[in-house]
Amino acid sequence: MSGYLRHIFSLIIAAAVLFGCAKEEGMQPQQDDFARLCLNVSVFDGAAYLGLPTKAEYADAATDGEKMQTLRIVIVRPDGTVEHNKYFDFHQSPTTEFGTAKFKVEPDAEKTVYLFANENAPSMTDGGKALNYNFDQKIVVGQQFPTDEVANLQINLTENVEQLSPVLLPMCEKHLLSNIVYTEKDLAYEYAADLFVVRAATKFTFNIKNETSSDVTVSDLKVDKLARIEYYMPNGTIYSEPDPATGGREIRGYNVPTIANNDYYTFKTNLVTDKVIEANMSEFTSLGKPIYLLEGKYTDAASEGKNYKLSLTINGVEDSEYFPALPQLPRNTHAVVNITIKDSGLSCTVQVMPYGAYELNPDFGI
């Protein structure tokens, strides 16, 4: 698929958080015949998309809502049995910097590791959870992991809700680890893995400048053809291997729930109301706060690959422009939209702001 977005906001995680509190439920291997599993931590500008220019500078998480405030690590055996369900709570110190979690596990050929961060994330205005699922009751150590149920979980925005709440963004991912083998108890942890979790949101930031010779008043920014539902877990996502130079990965495909054309909505919350934009501007200025939308795959058959449209009211008259090079809205993406008002009308460009890299390696014991 062409015209994909590049680089954004991915968290690589391996497990515990530097200032967090942990609650663990886990099956204990018999006697000392166990494997030692160490999940190492880093944060990097992980997921990448082809075809869109990427800004050179890096940006940290803008708010605590973009950081991890809770984390649940679930380890599942090849037969589907839940072996560990470990929960970390670090609301007091939301972070994108992680330590290391170590687990005693049954020696198996492989493990499936599920990562659920910010699992109680709300939607914007209704005060309810965007994802209504009880991870403690549904995922029980020693019982079968609800594979199909988790795979089909959906994040929902109700009719009067425009976006995910910026105070807490849901994040998740699933990883398969192979060759988990017996480790003698006097040896150091030998099996280590770097695992990532992605934000289940598409972030938009809007900037504007006025190149005309007169001040203008802008209001009522809209984004058209947005989805109210998405899969909670990445569904059918195809990642490339990390780029040796940048560490970035290409996401070459993903699945979304089936949505009828008349079920898409237009984001039209008053992000900006009667804002005066001065004449003859040489630089962009911010146009309100970021918004957090759901992943989508709308196709506009008449637009030749330009499927999503921005509208802005300028001096009382609404003007519209398709986003260039934005054929889809995948999760884990921060699109920086630069809007230019010209004598000929409205134009916009889209860039991507990747997140910076961090590494910490404190121990967080079994």
Protein backbone atom coordinates (compact mmCIF):
# COMPACT_ATOMS: atom_id res chain seq x y z
CA MET A 1 0.00 0.00 0.00
CA SER A 2 1.35 3.43 -0.86
CA GLY A 3 1.34 6.82 0.83
CA TYR A 4 1.68 5.47 4.36
CA LEU A 5 2.45 7.72 7.28
CA ARG A 6 5.93 7.56 8.82
CA HIS A 7 7.28 7.30 12.36
CA ILE A 8 5.25 7.90 15.32
CA PHE A 9 4.45 7.31 18.52
CA SER A 10 5.45 3.97 19.70
CA LEU A 11 6.49 2.77 23.15
CA ILE A 12 8.84 -0.15 23.45
CA ILE A 13 8.33 -1.88 26.66
CA ALA A 14 9.53 -4.78 28.43
CA ALA A 15 7.97 -4.41 31.55
CA ALA A 16 8.21 -2.69 34.84
CA VAL A 17 8.17 0.97 35.44
CA LEU A 18 10.83 2.79 37.31
CA PHE A 19 8.62 4.37 39.97
CA GLY A 20 5.64 2.04 39.78
CA CYS A 21 3.81 -0.28 42.11
CA ALA A 22 3.23 -3.87 40.97
CA LYS A 23 0.63 -6.52 41.72
CA GLU A 24 1.39 -10.00 40.38
CA GLU A 25 -0.50 -13.21 39.95
CA GLY A 26 1.55 -16.07 38.51
CA MET A 27 1.90 -19.85 38.36
CA GLN A 28 5.04 -21.11 40.07
CA PRO A 29 7.08 -23.64 38.10
CA GLN A 30 7.57 -26.98 39.82
CA GLN A 31 10.71 -27.19 41.94
CA ASP A 32 13.59 -25.32 40.28
CA ASP A 33 12.93 -26.45 36.71
CA PHE A 34 12.10 -23.06 35.32
CA ALA A 35 13.19 -20.69 32.62
CA ARG A 36 14.32 -17.18 33.38
CA LEU A 37 12.59 -14.60 31.23
CA CYS A 38 13.79 -11.00 31.26
CA LEU A 39 11.78 -8.36 29.42
CA ASN A 40 14.06 -5.38 28.77
CA VAL A 41 12.96 -1.80 28.36
CA SER A 42 13.42 1.05 25.94
CA VAL A 43 11.31 3.69 24.21
CA PHE A 44 11.89 4.43 20.55
CA ASP A 45 10.26 5.99 17.51
CA GLY A 46 8.91 2.59 16.61
CA ALA A 47 6.18 2.29 14.01
CA ALA A 48 6.80 3.89 10.65
CA TYR A 49 4.84 4.39 7.48
CA LEU A 50 6.07 4.84 3.93
CA GLY A 51 5.60 7.83 1.72
CA LEU A 52 5.36 10.84 4.05
CA PRO A 53 8.21 13.25 4.85
CA THR A 54 9.33 13.05 8.46
CA LYS A 55 10.53 15.97 10.52
CA ALA A 56 14.11 15.67 11.71
CA GLU A 57 13.60 16.79 15.30
CA TYR A 58 12.16 14.58 18.02
CA ALA A 59 9.40 15.26 20.54
CA ASP A 60 8.66 13.85 23.96
CA ALA A 61 5.17 12.83 25.05
CA ALA A 62 3.26 16.09 25.27
CA THR A 63 1.13 15.21 28.30
CA ASP A 64 0.77 12.55 31.00
CA GLY A 65 -2.13 11.19 28.94
CA GLU A 66 0.35 10.10 26.28
CA LYS A 67 2.44 8.26 28.85
CA MET A 68 1.88 4.95 30.57
CA GLN A 69 -0.06 5.23 33.82
CA THR A 70 -0.83 1.54 34.22
CA LEU A 71 0.61 -1.58 32.62
CA ARG A 72 -0.54 -5.20 32.63
CA ILE A 73 1.81 -7.96 31.42
CA VAL A 74 0.16 -11.30 30.67
CA ILE A 75 2.29 -14.35 29.76
CA VAL A 76 0.53 -17.28 28.08
CA ARG A 77 1.84 -20.81 27.53
CA PRO A 78 1.60 -22.64 24.18
CA ASP A 79 -1.48 -24.55 25.41
CA GLY A 80 -3.25 -21.24 26.14
CA THR A 81 -2.83 -21.34 29.92
CA VAL A 82 -2.27 -17.98 31.60
CA GLU A 83 1.03 -18.19 33.45
CA HIS A 84 1.44 -14.61 34.71
CA ASN A 85 -0.88 -11.63 35.02
CA LYS A 86 1.21 -8.80 36.46
CA TYR A 87 -0.19 -5.30 36.93
CA PHE A 88 1.75 -2.09 37.49
CA ASP A 89 0.23 1.17 38.68
CA PHE A 90 2.24 4.35 38.35
CA HIS A 91 -0.36 7.11 38.26
CA GLN A 92 1.81 9.15 40.60
CA SER A 93 4.65 9.19 38.08
CA PRO A 94 3.34 8.65 34.52
CA THR A 95 6.30 7.77 32.37
CA THR A 96 7.71 6.66 29.05
CA GLU A 97 10.83 5.29 30.75
CA PHE A 98 10.82 1.71 31.90
CA GLY A 99 12.90 -0.69 33.94
CA THR A 100 13.14 -4.45 33.60
CA ALA A 101 10.69 -7.19 34.63
CA LYS A 102 11.92 -10.70 35.38
CA PHE A 103 9.71 -13.78 35.45
CA LYS A 104 10.09 -17.41 36.42
CA VAL A 105 8.24 -19.35 33.72
CA GLU A 106 7.66 -22.95 32.73
CA PRO A 107 10.19 -23.94 30.02
CA ASP A 108 8.16 -23.96 26.82
CA ALA A 109 9.00 -23.66 23.15
CA GLU A 110 7.27 -20.28 23.07
CA LYS A 111 5.32 -17.75 25.08
CA THR A 112 2.73 -15.22 24.01
CA VAL A 113 3.08 -11.93 25.87
CA TYR A 114 0.16 -9.50 25.96
CA LEU A 115 0.78 -5.91 26.99
CA PHE A 116 -2.14 -3.73 28.11
CA ALA A 117 -1.40 -0.14 29.14
CA ASN A 118 -3.89 2.44 30.42
CA GLU A 119 -6.64 -0.17 30.25
CA ASN A 120 -9.21 2.11 31.93
CA ALA A 121 -8.86 4.93 29.41
CA PRO A 122 -12.10 6.94 29.10
CA SER A 123 -13.63 8.56 26.04
CA MET A 124 -13.81 12.33 25.79
CA THR A 125 -17.15 13.51 27.17
CA ASP A 126 -19.35 10.67 28.44
CA GLY A 127 -17.20 9.77 31.44
CA GLY A 128 -17.30 6.07 30.57
CA LYS A 129 -14.57 3.70 29.50
CA ALA A 130 -13.66 3.57 25.83
CA LEU A 131 -13.00 -0.14 26.41
CA ASN A 132 -15.38 -1.96 28.75
CA TYR A 133 -13.45 -5.07 29.84
CA ASN A 134 -12.50 -6.48 33.23
CA PHE A 135 -8.93 -7.76 32.84
CA ASP A 136 -8.75 -9.14 36.39
CA GLN A 137 -11.87 -11.27 36.12
CA LYS A 138 -11.47 -12.29 32.48
CA ILE A 139 -7.76 -13.19 32.55
CA VAL A 140 -7.13 -15.71 35.33
CA VAL A 141 -3.80 -17.38 36.09
CA GLY A 142 -4.04 -21.14 35.55
CA GLN A 143 -7.02 -20.84 33.21
CA GLN A 144 -7.27 -20.47 29.44
CA PHE A 145 -6.52 -17.06 28.00
CA PRO A 146 -9.61 -15.67 26.18
CA THR A 147 -7.77 -15.36 22.86
CA ASP A 148 -10.70 -14.77 20.52
CA GLU A 149 -12.49 -12.48 22.96
CA VAL A 150 -9.43 -10.23 23.38
CA ALA A 151 -8.73 -10.23 19.64
CA ASN A 152 -12.24 -8.94 18.94
CA LEU A 153 -12.43 -6.32 21.70
CA GLN A 154 -13.39 -2.91 20.34
CA ILE A 155 -12.90 0.65 21.50
CA ASN A 156 -16.13 2.57 21.04
CA LEU A 157 -17.04 6.25 20.88
CA THR A 158 -20.72 6.80 21.64
CA GLU A 159 -22.87 9.06 19.48
CA ASN A 160 -22.08 12.28 21.35
CA VAL A 161 -18.36 11.59 21.83
CA GLU A 162 -15.91 13.12 19.37
CA GLN A 163 -12.57 11.62 20.44
CA LEU A 164 -10.59 9.65 23.00
CA SER A 165 -9.87 11.50 26.22
CA PRO A 166 -6.44 13.17 26.19
CA VAL A 167 -6.02 12.42 29.91
CA LEU A 168 -5.33 8.71 29.27
CA LEU A 169 -4.74 6.97 25.94
CA PRO A 170 -5.15 3.19 25.58
CA MET A 171 -2.08 1.23 24.46
CA CYS A 172 -1.51 -2.47 23.78
CA GLU A 173 0.31 -5.10 21.72
CA LYS A 174 0.88 -8.87 21.47
CA HIS A 175 4.25 -10.59 20.99
CA LEU A 176 5.33 -14.19 20.43
CA LEU A 177 8.59 -15.24 22.10
CA SER A 178 10.23 -18.50 21.02
CA ASN A 179 12.88 -20.82 22.46
CA ILE A 180 12.04 -20.25 26.13
CA VAL A 181 14.18 -23.03 27.66
CA TYR A 182 15.29 -24.27 31.07
CA THR A 183 17.87 -22.11 32.81
CA GLU A 184 19.98 -23.35 35.71
CA LYS A 185 19.10 -21.43 38.83
CA ASP A 186 22.62 -20.12 39.46
CA LEU A 187 22.88 -18.47 36.04
CA ALA A 188 21.97 -14.92 35.19
CA TYR A 189 18.88 -14.18 33.16
CA GLU A 190 19.73 -15.27 29.65
CA TYR A 191 16.50 -14.93 27.71
CA ALA A 192 15.74 -11.27 27.09
CA ALA A 193 13.34 -9.51 24.78
CA ASP A 194 12.51 -5.93 23.84
CA LEU A 195 8.76 -5.59 23.36
CA PHE A 196 6.73 -2.60 22.23
CA VAL A 197 3.24 -1.31 22.87
CA VAL A 198 1.48 1.20 20.59
CA ARG A 199 -1.12 3.86 21.33
CA ALA A 200 -4.52 2.92 19.97
CA ALA A 201 -5.08 6.44 18.66
CA THR A 202 -4.26 8.80 15.82
CA LYS A 203 -3.10 12.16 17.15
CA PHE A 204 -3.65 15.35 15.15
CA THR A 205 -1.99 18.69 15.87
CA PHE A 206 -3.03 21.72 13.82
CA ASN A 207 -0.94 24.79 12.99
CA ILE A 208 -1.95 27.75 10.85
CA LYS A 209 -0.54 30.80 9.09
CA ASN A 210 -2.13 33.55 7.03
CA GLU A 211 -0.27 34.60 3.90
CA THR A 212 -2.93 37.06 2.76
CA SER A 213 -2.68 40.82 3.28
CA SER A 214 -5.68 40.99 5.68
CA ASP A 215 -6.44 39.59 9.12
CA VAL A 216 -8.89 36.69 9.02
CA THR A 217 -11.16 35.06 11.59
CA VAL A 218 -11.25 31.27 11.67
CA SER A 219 -13.60 28.85 13.45
CA ASP A 220 -15.26 25.43 13.25
CA LEU A 221 -12.41 23.15 12.27
CA LYS A 222 -13.72 19.78 11.08
CA VAL A 223 -12.24 16.43 10.02
CA ASP A 224 -14.49 14.21 7.93
CA LYS A 225 -15.12 10.43 7.62
CA LEU A 226 -13.92 9.23 11.02
CA ALA A 227 -14.63 5.88 12.65
CA ARG A 228 -16.41 5.48 16.00
CA ILE A 229 -15.08 1.94 16.54
CA GLU A 230 -11.71 0.26 16.22
CA TYR A 231 -10.15 -3.00 17.36
CA TYR A 232 -8.51 -2.60 20.75
CA MET A 233 -5.58 -4.89 19.89
CA PRO A 234 -3.73 -4.27 16.61
CA ASN A 235 -5.54 -6.56 14.19
CA GLY A 236 -3.74 -8.12 11.25
CA THR A 237 -0.93 -5.60 11.61
CA ILE A 238 2.11 -6.44 9.49
CA TYR A 239 5.41 -4.98 10.72
CA SER A 240 8.69 -4.99 8.85
CA GLU A 241 11.96 -5.70 10.57
CA PRO A 242 13.47 -2.62 12.28
CA ASP A 243 15.48 -0.34 10.03
CA PRO A 244 19.17 -0.73 10.94
CA ALA A 245 19.78 3.02 10.76
CA THR A 246 16.70 4.48 12.44
CA GLY A 247 15.16 1.60 14.39
CA GLY A 248 11.85 2.39 12.71
CA ARG A 249 9.45 -0.26 11.44
CA GLU A 250 7.14 -0.10 8.46
CA ILE A 251 3.52 -1.05 9.10
CA ARG A 252 2.46 -2.57 5.82
CA GLY A 253 -1.12 -3.41 6.62
CA TYR A 254 -3.80 -3.58 9.34
CA ASN A 255 -7.47 -4.51 9.75
CA VAL A 256 -10.39 -2.45 11.00
CA PRO A 257 -14.00 -3.43 11.85
CA THR A 258 -16.52 -3.26 9.03
CA ILE A 259 -18.22 0.14 9.01
CA ALA A 260 -21.02 1.23 6.69
CA ASN A 261 -20.42 4.52 4.86
CA ASN A 262 -23.26 6.26 6.69
CA ASP A 263 -21.75 5.32 10.07
CA TYR A 264 -18.67 7.54 9.71
CA TYR A 265 -18.82 10.88 11.50
CA THR A 266 -17.36 14.36 11.20
CA PHE A 267 -15.21 15.69 14.05
CA LYS A 268 -16.57 19.17 14.68
CA THR A 269 -15.99 20.03 18.31
CA ASN A 270 -15.11 23.71 18.66
CA LEU A 271 -11.37 23.19 18.61
CA VAL A 272 -11.13 26.78 17.49
CA THR A 273 -13.78 29.52 17.85
CA ASP A 274 -13.47 32.93 16.21
CA LYS A 275 -9.68 33.05 16.37
CA VAL A 276 -8.11 36.04 14.61
CA ILE A 277 -5.14 35.12 12.43
CA GLU A 278 -2.95 38.10 11.58
CA ALA A 279 -2.02 39.02 8.02
CA ASN A 280 1.29 38.31 6.25
CA MET A 281 2.51 35.60 8.63
CA SER A 282 5.86 33.96 7.93
CA GLU A 283 5.55 31.22 10.57
CA PHE A 284 2.85 28.84 11.75
CA THR A 285 1.01 29.28 15.04
CA SER A 286 -0.86 26.60 17.00
CA LEU A 287 -4.55 26.22 16.28
CA GLY A 288 -5.89 24.75 19.52
CA LYS A 289 -5.03 21.56 21.40
CA PRO A 290 -4.28 18.16 19.82
CA ILE A 291 -7.14 15.74 19.15
CA TYR A 292 -7.06 11.95 19.49
CA LEU A 293 -9.10 10.02 16.93
CA LEU A 294 -9.63 6.32 16.27
CA GLU A 295 -7.81 4.28 13.67
CA GLY A 296 -9.65 4.13 10.36
CA LYS A 297 -9.61 3.01 6.73
CA TYR A 298 -12.22 5.09 4.91
CA THR A 299 -12.02 5.09 1.11
CA ASP A 300 -13.35 7.97 -0.96
CA ALA A 301 -13.69 6.58 -4.48
CA ALA A 302 -13.81 10.05 -6.05
CA SER A 303 -10.71 11.53 -4.41
CA GLU A 304 -7.88 9.50 -6.04
CA GLY A 305 -6.43 8.29 -2.74
CA LYS A 306 -7.08 11.45 -0.72
CA ASN A 307 -9.69 10.03 1.62
CA TYR A 308 -9.84 12.41 4.59
CA LYS A 309 -10.85 16.05 4.42
CA LEU A 310 -10.24 19.09 6.63
CA SER A 311 -12.72 21.98 6.71
CA LEU A 312 -12.22 25.40 8.29
CA THR A 313 -14.54 28.40 8.37
CA ILE A 314 -12.67 31.55 7.29
CA ASN A 315 -14.46 34.90 7.72
CA GLY A 316 -17.76 33.05 7.92
CA VAL A 317 -17.23 30.94 4.79
CA GLU A 318 -16.34 27.25 5.05
CA ASP A 319 -13.40 26.05 2.93
CA SER A 320 -12.27 22.42 2.58
CA GLU A 321 -9.11 20.60 1.51
CA TYR A 322 -8.17 16.92 1.40
CA PHE A 323 -5.17 15.89 3.47
CA PRO A 324 -2.37 15.16 1.01
CA ALA A 325 -0.57 11.81 1.36
CA LEU A 326 -3.03 10.61 4.00
CA PRO A 327 -4.98 7.73 2.45
CA GLN A 328 -5.60 6.01 5.80
CA LEU A 329 -5.60 6.76 9.54
CA PRO A 330 -3.55 4.06 11.28
CA ARG A 331 -3.05 4.01 15.04
CA ASN A 332 0.23 5.07 16.61
CA THR A 333 0.43 8.12 14.39
CA HIS A 334 0.90 11.81 15.18
CA ALA A 335 -0.01 13.89 12.14
CA VAL A 336 1.10 17.52 12.30
CA VAL A 337 -1.19 19.45 9.95
CA ASN A 338 0.06 22.82 8.71
CA ILE A 339 -2.77 24.93 7.29
CA THR A 340 -1.98 27.91 5.05
CA ILE A 341 -4.54 30.54 4.14
CA LYS A 342 -3.75 32.05 0.73
CA ASP A 343 -5.53 34.42 -1.60
CA SER A 344 -6.42 31.35 -3.67
CA GLY A 345 -7.94 29.55 -0.69
CA LEU A 346 -7.03 26.92 1.91
CA SER A 347 -4.11 24.50 1.58
CA CYS A 348 -2.54 22.06 4.01
CA THR A 349 0.45 19.77 4.37
CA VAL A 350 1.00 16.88 6.77
CA GLN A 351 4.20 16.00 8.60
CA VAL A 352 5.03 13.46 11.25
CA MET A 353 6.71 14.19 14.58
CA PRO A 354 8.53 11.09 15.88
CA TYR A 355 9.13 10.48 19.56
CA GLY A 356 12.64 10.50 21.00
CA ALA A 357 14.54 7.50 22.34
CA TYR A 358 15.30 6.56 25.93
CA GLU A 359 16.84 3.60 27.71
CA LEU A 360 16.88 2.63 31.36
CA ASN A 361 17.92 -0.68 32.86
CA PRO A 362 17.19 -0.85 36.60
CA ASP A 363 16.24 -4.27 37.95
CA PHE A 364 12.73 -5.11 39.01
CA GLY A 365 12.88 -8.56 40.57
CA ILE A 366 10.70 -11.63 40.37
